[in-house]
Structures are given as C-alpha cells and as structure tokens.
Amino acid sequence: MKQLASDQTYISGGSPAGNGGHCLATLALGFSRDQDTTRLTQRDHFGPLRVQKPLYPEGPSTCHAIIVHPPGGVVGGDELRIDTRVEAHAHALLSTPGAAKWYRANGQLSRQQLHMEVQAGAALEWLPQETIFFNQADILLESTVALQGDARYLGCEILCFGRTASGERFDQGRIRQKLTILRDGKPLWLEQGSLLGGSVQMQSPLGLAGHTVCASMIAVGLSLSSSLMGELRERCMQLTQGQGKFGATQMKSALIVRYLGDSSEVARHVMLQAWRLLRPALLEREASELRIWNT
C-alpha cells in the first residue's frame, strides 16, 4: 500500500471509485536533473489522472508535462490529488490540454488538492488552462507550494464563474480556495477565500464587482525593476481593451498579477503576456509559445 499526502490509503490496482461511486484520482510526479536534462523520473497514478509522456519543446533542460483528466469534468463528490516534486536544479512546466470543468454538486463536495515541492536551485511553472465552475457547484481547491533555498515558482490560474457563453450565471453554489506558499517551511504567501453563488460578494467591489472571470499569476523568487514593472502594466493594460480591471503588485518575496473581467479569452492573453515578461526575469529563459494553449 502507498500512503499519499492525505488521510486516505489507496491500494494499487484497486477501483478508483469512492463512496457512492464517486471518483478518487491521484497523480504523483517527480522531476530530476540528469546532466543538462530534466527527466520525468516518477509518474504514478491512480484513477483518471495521467501524464502521457514528457515533452521538450524548448530543449532538454526544461521538461513539459501535460496533465490529462480523461473524464473531461469533475462531478459532485469527485476528488483529485496531484503531488509534484522537482529535485535540485531541475525545471518542470505543468499545464493542461483544455479547460477544467466543475459540474453541479448534486449534494456532494468536489475537491482538488495540489502539493508541489521544489528543491534548491530548481524551478516549477504551474500553467493550467482556465477552470469553469458550473452553476450549483460546491468545490474546495487547496494548493500548497513548498520551496527550499533559492527555488523559484511561477503559477497561474484563470477562474470562470458560470458558462456565460451559454447564458449561465453562477448564482448558486460555493467555491472555497486556499493557496499556501512556503520557503524553507516558513509561510511566504497565504491566500484563502470563500464565494457563494448569487451572494453580495459577486457584486461587491471587494469581491467580483459583477464580473464573471478572474485570473492571477504569482512569481516567487524575483524583484522586478521599476522599468520592467511599468512595461508589464502597460502591455497587460492594453490587452484588456478598456474592459475589466488589471493590477500588478510587487511585494518583498512575490509579484502578483491580477485580472478581473468578463472574458476568459482576454484573461488568457493577459496572463500569457505577463508570463512572457516575467519568465525571462525569474528563470532566465525566454517564454516560448505554449502550444497546448492554442490547440
């Protein structure tokens, strides 16, 4: 038996169905440096979570891994757990082949747990495509990033509340979210919140201000010059086309980029533009085109 970072034990070869037939899926990934190459040295899965093969679109030093969830969506009661470990001096980039869809709860809580460990001298980029919350979803999202020494991290998320293209609003349901970033075991960033569909928070300027899409990117391990910060703000603001809101804030240990609007496509362009500027500064690597985001 293999004990994962949770209170549940899974038996290899068992059924991925949990209580009531709901899906429990886990994925454990490990990346190691082998001379000039980052290799995918661990790829254990249980249930419908997969990485089919490592990809090297920008050369051997950075390993790209596309996380696939074959069912294509998460229903009430499902649980996804992803553990990632990047060994010293390795560089991994994780993404997804399409939008994540979280369906109505049907009286059951859906949950996703991410645990990412990045050792000294290593780098991890977490760049999934957008997440769509269907009306009446009940979801708990928990992410922990544990950095050691001078490890670097760049993470992005795009959240869409309701299928607005189909005329659906997120007027019922609940989304709870928590992000914890640690360096050498000490808290570096803690962000958490709870949003009820149809609540005052959806309209309040302290919440979504009536918008349906929010996006954020956090870069840990760099301090931008004032000129580069100015360029970041200028380029991203141009992409909003006067619709929605954008901001970028540099703190002592992290840089935060935010977008709030009504278009997942605009949010995608803003986040990719921020990534193109932040990646060379943080990782000393040019931001080559993320082809999976254009398929």
Protein backbone atom coordinates (compact mmCIF):
# COMPACT_ATOMS: atom_id res chain seq x y z
CA MET A 1 0.00 0.00 0.00
CA LYS A 2 1.07 3.51 -0.69
CA GLN A 3 0.24 6.38 1.64
CA LEU A 4 -0.26 9.69 -0.15
CA ALA A 5 -0.28 13.15 1.40
CA SER A 6 -3.78 12.73 2.80
CA ASP A 7 -5.80 10.83 5.33
CA GLN A 8 -6.74 8.11 2.86
CA THR A 9 -4.78 4.99 1.81
CA TYR A 10 -5.04 3.59 -1.71
CA ILE A 11 -4.28 0.06 -2.83
CA SER A 12 -2.51 -0.37 -6.15
CA GLY A 13 -4.80 -1.96 -8.69
CA GLY A 14 -7.97 -1.07 -6.77
CA SER A 15 -11.05 0.71 -8.04
CA PRO A 16 -10.89 4.49 -8.45
CA ALA A 17 -14.49 4.75 -7.25
CA GLY A 18 -15.00 6.00 -3.73
CA ASN A 19 -18.12 6.11 -1.61
CA GLY A 20 -21.24 6.38 -3.72
CA GLY A 21 -19.28 5.62 -6.90
CA HIS A 22 -17.52 8.97 -6.96
CA CYS A 23 -14.04 9.20 -8.44
CA LEU A 24 -10.84 9.44 -6.41
CA ALA A 25 -7.89 10.18 -8.69
CA THR A 26 -4.26 10.76 -7.72
CA LEU A 27 -1.12 11.63 -9.64
CA ALA A 28 2.44 11.75 -8.26
CA LEU A 29 5.14 13.30 -10.44
CA GLY A 30 8.88 13.61 -9.85
CA PHE A 31 11.43 15.54 -11.93
CA SER A 32 15.21 15.14 -11.61
CA ARG A 33 18.23 16.76 -13.25
CA ASP A 34 20.43 14.45 -15.30
CA GLN A 35 23.41 16.49 -16.53
CA ASP A 36 21.77 19.02 -18.89
CA THR A 37 18.36 17.31 -18.98
CA THR A 38 15.36 17.43 -16.68
CA ARG A 39 13.78 13.99 -16.67
CA LEU A 40 10.36 12.81 -15.53
CA THR A 41 11.58 10.17 -13.08
CA GLN A 42 8.30 9.47 -11.26
CA ARG A 43 4.87 9.09 -12.81
CA ASP A 44 2.48 7.22 -10.52
CA HIS A 45 -1.26 7.47 -10.99
CA PHE A 46 -4.43 6.04 -9.55
CA GLY A 47 -7.72 6.66 -11.28
CA PRO A 48 -8.25 9.01 -14.22
CA LEU A 49 -5.25 11.36 -13.98
CA ARG A 50 -2.37 10.93 -16.43
CA VAL A 51 0.78 12.38 -17.91
CA GLN A 52 1.28 10.59 -21.19
CA LYS A 53 4.91 11.48 -21.88
CA PRO A 54 7.48 14.19 -21.11
CA LEU A 55 7.84 16.90 -23.76
CA TYR A 56 10.85 19.08 -24.62
CA PRO A 57 9.66 21.86 -26.95
CA GLU A 58 12.39 24.25 -25.77
CA GLY A 59 15.30 21.87 -25.27
CA PRO A 60 16.31 19.25 -22.70
CA SER A 61 16.78 21.48 -19.66
CA THR A 62 13.02 22.10 -19.19
CA CYS A 63 10.57 19.23 -19.05
CA HIS A 64 6.95 19.98 -20.02
CA ALA A 65 4.24 17.67 -18.69
CA ILE A 66 0.59 17.83 -19.75
CA ILE A 67 -1.79 16.60 -17.05
CA VAL A 68 -4.78 14.83 -18.60
CA HIS A 69 -8.08 14.12 -16.84
CA PRO A 70 -9.85 11.74 -19.27
CA PRO A 71 -13.41 12.20 -17.93
CA GLY A 72 -13.20 15.83 -19.03
CA GLY A 73 -15.01 17.17 -15.97
CA VAL A 74 -15.45 16.80 -12.22
CA VAL A 75 -18.84 15.95 -10.72
CA GLY A 76 -20.08 16.29 -7.14
CA GLY A 77 -18.13 14.02 -4.80
CA ASP A 78 -15.06 13.61 -7.04
CA GLU A 79 -11.60 14.26 -5.62
CA LEU A 80 -8.35 14.98 -7.47
CA ARG A 81 -4.92 14.95 -5.83
CA ILE A 82 -1.68 15.92 -7.55
CA ASP A 83 1.73 15.71 -5.86
CA THR A 84 4.75 17.13 -7.67
CA ARG A 85 8.39 17.07 -6.60
CA VAL A 86 11.10 18.92 -8.53
CA GLU A 87 14.59 17.88 -7.49
CA ALA A 88 17.54 20.25 -7.19
CA HIS A 89 18.39 22.20 -10.37
CA ALA A 90 15.60 20.61 -12.39
CA HIS A 91 12.99 22.71 -14.25
CA ALA A 92 9.44 21.50 -14.85
CA LEU A 93 6.45 23.13 -16.54
CA LEU A 94 2.98 21.67 -15.94
CA SER A 95 -0.09 22.50 -17.98
CA THR A 96 -3.42 21.01 -19.10
CA PRO A 97 -4.85 20.27 -22.57
CA GLY A 98 -8.06 22.24 -22.08
CA ALA A 99 -10.37 23.94 -19.62
CA ALA A 100 -11.19 22.15 -16.36
CA LYS A 101 -14.95 21.82 -15.84
CA TRP A 102 -16.50 21.50 -12.40
CA TYR A 103 -20.12 20.42 -12.63
CA ARG A 104 -23.07 20.88 -10.26
CA ALA A 105 -22.64 19.40 -6.81
CA ASN A 106 -25.69 17.09 -6.57
CA GLY A 107 -25.34 17.42 -2.80
CA GLN A 108 -21.67 16.37 -2.78
CA LEU A 109 -18.46 18.38 -2.30
CA SER A 110 -15.85 18.20 -5.09
CA ARG A 111 -12.22 18.68 -4.09
CA GLN A 112 -8.80 19.26 -5.61
CA GLN A 113 -5.54 19.11 -3.65
CA LEU A 114 -2.22 20.20 -5.12
CA HIS A 115 1.07 19.74 -3.30
CA MET A 116 4.21 20.98 -5.04
CA GLU A 117 7.71 20.67 -3.61
CA VAL A 118 10.60 22.48 -5.30
CA GLN A 119 14.13 21.91 -4.07
CA ALA A 120 17.01 24.40 -4.03
CA GLY A 121 18.14 25.59 -7.45
CA ALA A 122 15.02 24.16 -9.11
CA ALA A 123 12.05 25.83 -10.80
CA LEU A 124 8.41 24.93 -11.30
CA GLU A 125 5.85 26.55 -13.58
CA TRP A 126 2.18 25.72 -12.99
CA LEU A 127 0.22 26.96 -16.01
CA PRO A 128 -3.12 25.16 -16.34
CA GLN A 129 -5.78 26.42 -18.70
CA GLU A 130 -8.94 28.02 -17.35
CA THR A 131 -11.25 26.50 -14.78
CA ILE A 132 -15.02 26.72 -15.37
CA PHE A 133 -17.38 26.47 -12.41
CA PHE A 134 -20.85 25.36 -13.44
CA ASN A 135 -23.85 26.72 -11.60
CA GLN A 136 -24.61 24.87 -8.31
CA ALA A 137 -21.06 23.52 -7.98
CA ASP A 138 -19.66 23.03 -4.47
CA ILE A 139 -15.87 22.99 -4.64
CA LEU A 140 -12.83 23.10 -2.37
CA LEU A 141 -9.47 23.91 -4.00
CA GLU A 142 -6.33 23.61 -1.86
CA SER A 143 -2.80 24.27 -3.13
CA THR A 144 0.49 24.13 -1.24
CA VAL A 145 3.84 25.12 -2.75
CA ALA A 146 6.88 24.22 -0.63
CA LEU A 147 10.09 25.92 -1.79
CA GLN A 148 13.56 25.18 -0.49
CA GLY A 149 16.51 27.54 -0.59
CA ASP A 150 16.51 29.65 -3.76
CA ALA A 151 13.85 27.59 -5.57
CA ARG A 152 11.59 29.58 -7.92
CA TYR A 153 7.91 29.26 -8.69
CA LEU A 154 5.59 30.77 -11.27
CA GLY A 155 1.91 29.86 -11.09
CA CYS A 156 -1.25 30.95 -12.89
CA GLU A 157 -4.99 30.41 -12.62
CA ILE A 158 -8.00 31.61 -14.61
CA LEU A 159 -11.38 31.11 -12.95
CA CYS A 160 -14.69 31.41 -14.82
CA PHE A 161 -17.92 31.60 -12.80
CA GLY A 162 -20.71 30.08 -14.86
CA ARG A 163 -20.87 29.29 -18.58
CA THR A 164 -21.57 32.82 -19.68
CA ALA A 165 -21.35 31.87 -23.37
CA SER A 166 -24.40 29.65 -22.75
CA GLY A 167 -26.20 32.33 -20.77
CA GLU A 168 -25.50 30.64 -17.43
CA ARG A 169 -24.52 32.58 -14.33
CA PHE A 170 -23.02 31.27 -11.12
CA ASP A 171 -25.98 32.22 -8.92
CA GLN A 172 -25.98 29.11 -6.74
CA GLY A 173 -23.15 27.10 -5.26
CA ARG A 174 -19.96 27.61 -3.28
CA ILE A 175 -16.27 27.92 -4.15
CA ARG A 176 -13.63 27.73 -1.42
CA GLN A 177 -9.98 28.21 -2.21
CA LYS A 178 -6.69 28.23 -0.30
CA LEU A 179 -3.15 28.83 -1.57
CA THR A 180 -0.15 28.44 0.72
CA ILE A 181 3.44 29.12 -0.38
CA LEU A 182 6.29 28.24 1.98
CA ARG A 183 10.03 28.79 1.78
CA ASP A 184 12.12 26.52 4.00
CA GLY A 185 8.98 25.72 5.95
CA LYS A 186 8.12 29.34 6.73
CA PRO A 187 4.96 30.97 5.33
CA LEU A 188 5.67 33.26 2.42
CA TRP A 189 2.16 33.70 0.98
CA LEU A 190 -1.26 32.71 2.25
CA GLU A 191 -4.44 33.43 0.32
CA GLN A 192 -7.86 31.99 1.01
CA GLY A 193 -11.45 32.84 0.33
CA SER A 194 -14.99 31.57 0.04
CA LEU A 195 -17.52 32.69 -2.57
CA LEU A 196 -21.24 31.91 -2.56
CA GLY A 197 -23.09 31.99 -5.84
CA GLY A 198 -25.61 34.83 -6.03
CA SER A 199 -24.23 36.48 -2.88
CA VAL A 200 -23.34 40.12 -2.30
CA GLN A 201 -19.70 39.12 -2.88
CA MET A 202 -20.45 38.54 -6.55
CA GLN A 203 -21.39 42.22 -6.97
CA SER A 204 -19.30 43.93 -4.30
CA PRO A 205 -16.16 45.89 -5.32
CA LEU A 206 -14.42 43.86 -2.62
CA GLY A 207 -15.41 40.68 -4.47
CA LEU A 208 -16.01 40.11 -8.18
CA ALA A 209 -17.63 43.54 -8.72
CA GLY A 210 -20.22 41.95 -11.01
CA HIS A 211 -17.62 40.28 -13.23
CA THR A 212 -17.51 36.59 -14.14
CA VAL A 213 -13.81 35.93 -14.78
CA CYS A 214 -10.80 36.44 -12.52
CA ALA A 215 -7.21 35.48 -13.15
CA SER A 216 -3.96 35.72 -11.23
CA MET A 217 -0.29 34.94 -11.65
CA ILE A 218 2.24 34.78 -8.86
CA ALA A 219 6.00 34.77 -9.33
CA VAL A 220 8.20 33.89 -6.36
CA GLY A 221 11.94 34.46 -6.40
CA LEU A 222 12.49 37.76 -8.16
CA SER A 223 12.36 41.51 -7.75
CA LEU A 224 11.50 43.44 -10.91
CA SER A 225 12.99 46.79 -11.82
CA SER A 226 10.62 49.75 -11.92
CA SER A 227 11.02 49.94 -15.70
CA LEU A 228 10.04 46.29 -16.19
CA MET A 229 7.11 46.69 -13.81
CA GLY A 230 5.99 49.66 -15.87
CA GLU A 231 6.27 47.66 -19.08
CA LEU A 232 4.31 44.79 -17.53
CA ARG A 233 1.46 47.09 -16.51
CA GLU A 234 1.40 48.92 -19.84
CA ARG A 235 1.34 45.82 -22.05
CA CYS A 236 -1.27 43.98 -19.98
CA MET A 237 -3.50 47.02 -19.69
CA GLN A 238 -3.50 47.33 -23.48
CA LEU A 239 -4.79 43.77 -23.77
CA THR A 240 -7.80 44.46 -21.54
CA GLN A 241 -9.09 46.84 -24.26
CA GLY A 242 -10.65 49.05 -21.61
CA GLN A 243 -12.80 46.19 -20.32
CA GLY A 244 -12.21 44.72 -16.90
CA LYS A 245 -9.52 45.60 -14.40
CA PHE A 246 -5.82 44.81 -14.17
CA GLY A 247 -3.19 45.25 -11.49
CA ALA A 248 0.37 44.16 -10.69
CA THR A 249 1.92 44.41 -7.23
CA GLN A 250 5.47 43.65 -6.18
CA MET A 251 6.00 42.60 -2.60
CA LYS A 252 9.14 41.61 -0.76
CA SER A 253 9.06 37.95 -1.77
CA ALA A 254 6.48 37.71 -4.54
CA LEU A 255 4.99 39.52 -7.51
CA ILE A 256 1.23 39.28 -8.08
CA VAL A 257 -0.62 39.94 -11.34
CA ARG A 258 -4.44 40.18 -11.30
CA TYR A 259 -7.18 40.45 -13.93
CA LEU A 260 -10.91 40.86 -13.32
CA GLY A 261 -13.34 40.95 -16.22
CA ASP A 262 -15.87 39.00 -18.26
CA SER A 263 -13.78 37.28 -20.94
CA SER A 264 -11.72 34.14 -20.45
CA GLU A 265 -10.02 34.89 -23.77
CA VAL A 266 -8.86 38.31 -22.58
CA ALA A 267 -7.76 36.77 -19.28
CA ARG A 268 -5.72 34.19 -21.21
CA HIS A 269 -3.99 36.88 -23.31
CA VAL A 270 -3.22 38.96 -20.21
CA MET A 271 -1.75 36.02 -18.31
CA LEU A 272 0.35 34.89 -21.27
CA GLN A 273 1.66 38.42 -21.74
CA ALA A 274 2.61 38.60 -18.07
CA TRP A 275 4.31 35.19 -18.36
CA ARG A 276 6.32 36.35 -21.39
CA LEU A 277 7.73 39.23 -19.36
CA LEU A 278 8.14 37.51 -16.02
CA ARG A 279 9.66 34.24 -17.17
CA PRO A 280 12.94 35.66 -18.52
CA ALA A 281 13.34 37.78 -15.37
CA LEU A 282 12.57 34.90 -13.00
CA LEU A 283 14.03 31.91 -14.81
CA GLU A 284 16.43 33.45 -17.34
CA ARG A 285 14.57 31.67 -20.11
CA GLU A 286 12.58 33.13 -22.98
CA ALA A 287 8.87 32.39 -22.94
CA SER A 288 8.40 30.14 -25.95
CA GLU A 289 4.85 29.68 -27.24
CA LEU A 290 2.68 27.40 -25.11
CA ARG A 291 1.32 25.34 -27.99
CA ILE A 292 -1.05 23.36 -25.79
CA TRP A 293 -2.91 26.62 -25.00
CA ASN A 294 -3.60 27.11 -28.71
CA THR A 295 -4.96 23.66 -29.56
